[in-house]
Amino acid sequence: GGQALEVARLANGKLRSGRPVDYAGGLFVDDRQSERVVSHSGLVVGNRAMDVLYPDSGIGISVMCNRDDIAPAERARKIALLVKPGAPDPAFDRAIDPAEMKRLGKVGD
């Protein structure tokens, strides 16, 4: 898809009402503190991940954990602040915390 796909993938979506949302083509794209932040978290029972990109600064952070009692989003935030003091927080609240994961793991058991 080349450049056209990349542009489309990072374009924020809109609801039917026309209200814009911060979710793009599979990624959260936010403008925070005048800087673009692209992020997404993921999890499967026993595995968690968080990816954060600061495209304007050329910084990318990826945290992967093979434990369900670690919050990779929080670790990614701390790493971001180490490599880029004052880095804006992505919407880390989208990551599910370990207690919530345990609760979800019981659904259907």
C-alpha atoms as a PDB file:
ATOM      1  CA  GLY A   1       0.000   0.000   0.000  1.00  0.00           C
ATOM      2  CA  GLY A   2       2.977   2.322   0.342  1.00  0.00           C
ATOM      3  CA  GLN A   3       2.637   5.907   1.533  1.00  0.00           C
ATOM      4  CA  ALA A   4      -1.123   6.046   0.877  1.00  0.00           C
ATOM      5  CA  LEU A   5      -1.694   3.114   3.249  1.00  0.00           C
ATOM      6  CA  GLU A   6       0.527   4.689   5.906  1.00  0.00           C
ATOM      7  CA  VAL A   7      -1.396   7.975   5.729  1.00  0.00           C
ATOM      8  CA  ALA A   8      -4.742   6.152   5.923  1.00  0.00           C
ATOM      9  CA  ARG A   9      -3.559   3.965   8.811  1.00  0.00           C
ATOM     10  CA  LEU A  10      -2.702   7.007  10.927  1.00  0.00           C
ATOM     11  CA  ALA A  11      -5.830   9.021  10.090  1.00  0.00           C
ATOM     12  CA  ASN A  12      -8.167   9.309  13.068  1.00  0.00           C
ATOM     13  CA  GLY A  13     -11.630   7.886  12.644  1.00  0.00           C
ATOM     14  CA  LYS A  14     -14.979   9.592  13.058  1.00  0.00           C
ATOM     15  CA  LEU A  15     -18.230   8.404  14.571  1.00  0.00           C
ATOM     16  CA  ARG A  16     -21.416   8.476  12.536  1.00  0.00           C
ATOM     17  CA  SER A  17     -22.243  11.741  14.289  1.00  0.00           C
ATOM     18  CA  GLY A  18     -19.059  13.206  12.785  1.00  0.00           C
ATOM     19  CA  ARG A  19     -17.301  13.450  16.158  1.00  0.00           C
ATOM     20  CA  PRO A  20     -13.615  12.532  15.774  1.00  0.00           C
ATOM     21  CA  VAL A  21     -12.075   9.755  17.861  1.00  0.00           C
ATOM     22  CA  ASP A  22      -8.441   9.064  18.659  1.00  0.00           C
ATOM     23  CA  TYR A  23      -8.502   5.552  17.180  1.00  0.00           C
ATOM     24  CA  ALA A  24      -7.079   5.264  13.685  1.00  0.00           C
ATOM     25  CA  GLY A  25      -6.419   2.199  11.527  1.00  0.00           C
ATOM     26  CA  GLY A  26      -5.558  -0.161  14.371  1.00  0.00           C
ATOM     27  CA  LEU A  27      -3.645   2.407  16.452  1.00  0.00           C
ATOM     28  CA  PHE A  28      -4.436   5.155  18.911  1.00  0.00           C
ATOM     29  CA  VAL A  29      -3.227   8.482  17.504  1.00  0.00           C
ATOM     30  CA  ASP A  30      -3.232  11.427  19.900  1.00  0.00           C
ATOM     31  CA  ASP A  31      -1.863  14.953  19.864  1.00  0.00           C
ATOM     32  CA  ARG A  32      -0.591  15.607  23.364  1.00  0.00           C
ATOM     33  CA  GLN A  33       1.456  18.573  24.491  1.00  0.00           C
ATOM     34  CA  SER A  34       1.814  19.576  20.811  1.00  0.00           C
ATOM     35  CA  GLU A  35       3.369  16.218  19.947  1.00  0.00           C
ATOM     36  CA  ARG A  36       1.926  13.293  18.067  1.00  0.00           C
ATOM     37  CA  VAL A  37       1.782  10.017  20.013  1.00  0.00           C
ATOM     38  CA  VAL A  38       0.894   6.695  18.382  1.00  0.00           C
ATOM     39  CA  SER A  39       0.258   3.748  20.680  1.00  0.00           C
ATOM     40  CA  HIS A  40      -1.466   0.449  21.227  1.00  0.00           C
ATOM     41  CA  SER A  41      -1.499  -2.172  23.916  1.00  0.00           C
ATOM     42  CA  GLY A  42      -2.308  -5.824  23.638  1.00  0.00           C
ATOM     43  CA  LEU A  43      -2.798  -8.849  25.789  1.00  0.00           C
ATOM     44  CA  VAL A  44      -3.454 -12.528  25.740  1.00  0.00           C
ATOM     45  CA  VAL A  45      -3.663 -14.571  28.913  1.00  0.00           C
ATOM     46  CA  GLY A  46      -0.122 -14.614  30.283  1.00  0.00           C
ATOM     47  CA  ASN A  47       1.278 -12.092  27.777  1.00  0.00           C
ATOM     48  CA  ARG A  48       1.061  -8.306  27.622  1.00  0.00           C
ATOM     49  CA  ALA A  49       2.524  -5.669  25.337  1.00  0.00           C
ATOM     50  CA  MET A  50       2.621  -1.915  24.803  1.00  0.00           C
ATOM     51  CA  ASP A  51       3.981  -0.055  21.783  1.00  0.00           C
ATOM     52  CA  VAL A  52       4.469   3.707  21.774  1.00  0.00           C
ATOM     53  CA  LEU A  53       5.785   5.866  18.937  1.00  0.00           C
ATOM     54  CA  TYR A  54       6.728   9.536  19.021  1.00  0.00           C
ATOM     55  CA  PRO A  55       6.965  10.053  15.229  1.00  0.00           C
ATOM     56  CA  ASP A  56       8.108  13.669  15.426  1.00  0.00           C
ATOM     57  CA  SER A  57      11.027  12.708  17.683  1.00  0.00           C
ATOM     58  CA  GLY A  58      11.860   9.409  15.981  1.00  0.00           C
ATOM     59  CA  ILE A  59      11.435   7.478  19.241  1.00  0.00           C
ATOM     60  CA  GLY A  60       9.703   4.118  19.509  1.00  0.00           C
ATOM     61  CA  ILE A  61       9.229   1.988  22.611  1.00  0.00           C
ATOM     62  CA  SER A  62       8.005  -1.587  22.718  1.00  0.00           C
ATOM     63  CA  VAL A  63       7.494  -3.488  25.963  1.00  0.00           C
ATOM     64  CA  MET A  64       6.558  -7.164  25.930  1.00  0.00           C
ATOM     65  CA  CYS A  65       5.973  -9.243  29.059  1.00  0.00           C
ATOM     66  CA  ASN A  66       5.261 -12.936  29.416  1.00  0.00           C
ATOM     67  CA  ARG A  67       3.679 -12.487  32.834  1.00  0.00           C
ATOM     68  CA  ASP A  68       0.171 -11.331  33.626  1.00  0.00           C
ATOM     69  CA  ASP A  69       1.114  -9.443  36.793  1.00  0.00           C
ATOM     70  CA  ILE A  70       3.205  -6.757  35.060  1.00  0.00           C
ATOM     71  CA  ALA A  71       1.814  -3.565  33.527  1.00  0.00           C
ATOM     72  CA  PRO A  72       3.819  -2.922  30.312  1.00  0.00           C
ATOM     73  CA  ALA A  73       2.034   0.396  29.744  1.00  0.00           C
ATOM     74  CA  GLU A  74       3.425   1.776  32.991  1.00  0.00           C
ATOM     75  CA  ARG A  75       6.906   0.503  32.131  1.00  0.00           C
ATOM     76  CA  ALA A  76       6.693   2.064  28.662  1.00  0.00           C
ATOM     77  CA  ARG A  77       5.718   5.386  30.259  1.00  0.00           C
ATOM     78  CA  LYS A  78       8.763   5.266  32.542  1.00  0.00           C
ATOM     79  CA  ILE A  79      11.067   4.383  29.640  1.00  0.00           C
ATOM     80  CA  ALA A  80       9.610   7.242  27.596  1.00  0.00           C
ATOM     81  CA  LEU A  81      10.438   9.675  30.379  1.00  0.00           C
ATOM     82  CA  LEU A  82      13.999   8.315  30.595  1.00  0.00           C
ATOM     83  CA  VAL A  83      14.746   8.725  26.888  1.00  0.00           C
ATOM     84  CA  LYS A  84      12.651  11.842  26.361  1.00  0.00           C
ATOM     85  CA  PRO A  85      12.200  13.913  29.543  1.00  0.00           C
ATOM     86  CA  GLY A  86       8.803  15.577  29.497  1.00  0.00           C
ATOM     87  CA  ALA A  87       7.447  13.090  26.960  1.00  0.00           C
ATOM     88  CA  PRO A  88       3.672  13.266  26.776  1.00  0.00           C
ATOM     89  CA  ASP A  89       1.827  10.262  28.111  1.00  0.00           C
ATOM     90  CA  PRO A  90      -0.049   8.265  25.534  1.00  0.00           C
ATOM     91  CA  ALA A  91      -3.455   7.079  26.619  1.00  0.00           C
ATOM     92  CA  PHE A  92      -2.018   4.409  28.875  1.00  0.00           C
ATOM     93  CA  ASP A  93      -5.348   4.068  30.613  1.00  0.00           C
ATOM     94  CA  ARG A  94      -6.404   1.887  27.676  1.00  0.00           C
ATOM     95  CA  ALA A  95      -4.171  -0.941  28.887  1.00  0.00           C
ATOM     96  CA  ILE A  96      -5.911  -3.436  31.141  1.00  0.00           C
ATOM     97  CA  ASP A  97      -4.318  -3.701  34.565  1.00  0.00           C
ATOM     98  CA  PRO A  98      -3.384  -7.128  36.043  1.00  0.00           C
ATOM     99  CA  ALA A  99      -6.332  -7.222  38.477  1.00  0.00           C
ATOM    100  CA  GLU A 100      -8.775  -6.565  35.643  1.00  0.00           C
ATOM    101  CA  MET A 101      -7.121  -9.272  33.515  1.00  0.00           C
ATOM    102  CA  LYS A 102      -7.575 -11.806  36.318  1.00  0.00           C
ATOM    103  CA  ARG A 103     -11.237 -10.820  36.589  1.00  0.00           C
ATOM    104  CA  LEU A 104     -11.685 -11.187  32.819  1.00  0.00           C
ATOM    105  CA  GLY A 105      -9.891 -14.534  32.871  1.00  0.00           C
ATOM    106  CA  LYS A 106     -12.622 -15.928  35.123  1.00  0.00           C
ATOM    107  CA  VAL A 107     -15.386 -15.110  32.640  1.00  0.00           C
ATOM    108  CA  GLY A 108     -16.635 -18.375  31.193  1.00  0.00           C
ATOM    109  CA  ASP A 109     -14.558 -20.556  33.546  1.00  0.00           C
END
